[in-house]
Amino acid sequence: MKIIVGFFTTKPGKRADYLEAAREHLEKSRLDPDCLYIELVPMPDDPDRILLAEAFTSEEAHRRHEDTDHMRALWAVGPTLLSHVVIDNVISEQVQHIDERFG
């Protein structure tokens, strides 16, 4: 499993623009059966900060994800809309994924 967590800081006032630019990427990524989840969450205490959280079944699955047209399109807008990116990658066979449903 590969888990990616991080923060994106947009250029001042560009958070909504970045989230809109990422919309198609998120929609297409969620169709990938190897993508367990992918989220970009606006941080309520900072108008230019976004939390990234994503998980894939494997490192190989994430590499395939990175080699898509929609990923390349999103990377292309990064220099225009982002000022800082911090990402942590966790790659492990020991990650326990729990998916419980209630009700």
Protein backbone atom coordinates (compact mmCIF):
# COMPACT_ATOMS: atom_id res chain seq x y z
CA MET A 1 0.00 0.00 0.00
CA LYS A 2 1.09 3.57 -0.61
CA ILE A 3 -0.30 6.47 1.40
CA ILE A 4 0.38 10.07 0.47
CA VAL A 5 -0.39 12.89 2.89
CA GLY A 6 0.63 16.49 2.61
CA PHE A 7 -0.22 20.14 2.37
CA PHE A 8 -0.44 22.38 -0.67
CA THR A 9 -0.16 26.12 -0.19
CA THR A 10 -1.56 28.07 -3.08
CA LYS A 11 -0.48 31.49 -4.16
CA PRO A 12 -2.58 34.08 -2.33
CA GLY A 13 -6.22 33.88 -3.33
CA LYS A 14 -5.70 30.93 -5.71
CA ARG A 15 -7.08 28.05 -3.61
CA ALA A 16 -10.49 27.94 -5.36
CA ASP A 17 -8.75 28.05 -8.74
CA TYR A 18 -6.49 25.12 -7.80
CA LEU A 19 -9.39 23.06 -6.46
CA GLU A 20 -11.31 23.67 -9.68
CA ALA A 21 -8.25 22.71 -11.74
CA ALA A 22 -8.01 19.49 -9.69
CA ARG A 23 -11.70 18.54 -10.03
CA GLU A 24 -11.32 16.37 -13.17
CA HIS A 25 -8.17 14.76 -11.80
CA LEU A 26 -9.95 13.76 -8.59
CA GLU A 27 -12.97 12.40 -10.47
CA LYS A 28 -10.84 10.30 -12.82
CA SER A 29 -8.54 9.12 -10.03
CA ARG A 30 -11.51 7.86 -8.01
CA LEU A 31 -12.48 5.62 -10.94
CA ASP A 32 -9.20 3.73 -10.63
CA PRO A 33 -9.85 0.50 -8.70
CA ASP A 34 -6.35 0.73 -7.19
CA CYS A 35 -7.09 4.19 -5.75
CA LEU A 36 -8.53 3.60 -2.27
CA TYR A 37 -9.16 7.32 -1.78
CA ILE A 38 -7.98 10.71 -2.91
CA GLU A 39 -9.02 13.96 -1.29
CA LEU A 40 -8.07 17.62 -1.42
CA VAL A 41 -9.51 19.34 1.64
CA PRO A 42 -9.48 23.14 2.08
CA MET A 43 -8.11 24.00 5.51
CA PRO A 44 -10.58 26.20 7.40
CA ASP A 45 -7.91 28.18 9.28
CA ASP A 46 -5.84 29.16 6.22
CA PRO A 47 -7.44 30.45 3.00
CA ASP A 48 -4.49 29.27 0.89
CA ARG A 49 -3.88 25.80 2.36
CA ILE A 50 -5.16 22.40 1.17
CA LEU A 51 -4.73 18.99 2.80
CA LEU A 52 -3.88 16.15 0.40
CA ALA A 53 -4.78 12.59 1.43
CA GLU A 54 -4.59 9.64 -0.94
CA ALA A 55 -3.96 5.93 -0.84
CA PHE A 56 -3.25 3.32 -3.48
CA THR A 57 -3.08 -0.45 -3.29
CA SER A 58 0.65 -0.39 -4.12
CA GLU A 59 3.59 1.74 -5.16
CA GLU A 60 3.15 0.38 -8.71
CA ALA A 61 -0.50 1.48 -8.74
CA HIS A 62 0.54 4.98 -7.70
CA ARG A 63 3.21 5.08 -10.43
CA ARG A 64 0.53 4.23 -13.01
CA HIS A 65 -1.62 7.01 -11.54
CA GLU A 66 1.24 9.49 -11.95
CA ASP A 67 1.57 8.49 -15.62
CA THR A 68 -1.91 9.65 -16.65
CA ASP A 69 -2.92 12.60 -18.77
CA HIS A 70 -5.06 14.02 -15.96
CA MET A 71 -2.10 13.90 -13.53
CA ARG A 72 0.14 15.63 -16.06
CA ALA A 73 -2.54 18.29 -16.63
CA LEU A 74 -2.74 19.01 -12.91
CA TRP A 75 1.05 19.17 -12.56
CA ALA A 76 1.09 21.69 -15.40
CA VAL A 77 -0.96 24.23 -13.44
CA GLY A 78 1.09 23.81 -10.26
CA PRO A 79 3.66 26.54 -10.97
CA THR A 80 0.89 29.03 -11.73
CA LEU A 81 -1.34 28.32 -8.72
CA LEU A 82 0.85 26.77 -5.99
CA SER A 83 3.59 28.33 -3.89
CA HIS A 84 4.61 25.39 -1.64
CA VAL A 85 4.02 21.63 -1.47
CA VAL A 86 4.96 19.29 1.39
CA ILE A 87 4.23 15.58 0.91
CA ASP A 88 4.93 12.48 2.98
CA ASN A 89 4.89 9.10 1.24
CA VAL A 90 4.38 5.90 3.21
CA ILE A 91 5.08 2.69 1.29
CA SER A 92 4.58 -0.48 3.25
CA GLU A 93 3.18 -3.98 3.16
CA GLN A 94 2.37 -3.57 6.86
CA VAL A 95 -0.32 -0.89 6.57
CA GLN A 96 -3.66 -2.09 7.86
CA HIS A 97 -6.62 -0.68 5.93
CA ILE A 98 -9.86 -0.89 7.93
CA ASP A 99 -13.16 -0.33 6.17
CA GLU A 100 -16.07 -0.78 8.57
CA ARG A 101 -19.68 0.09 7.85
CA PHE A 102 -22.26 0.84 10.47
CA GLY A 103 -26.04 0.77 10.31
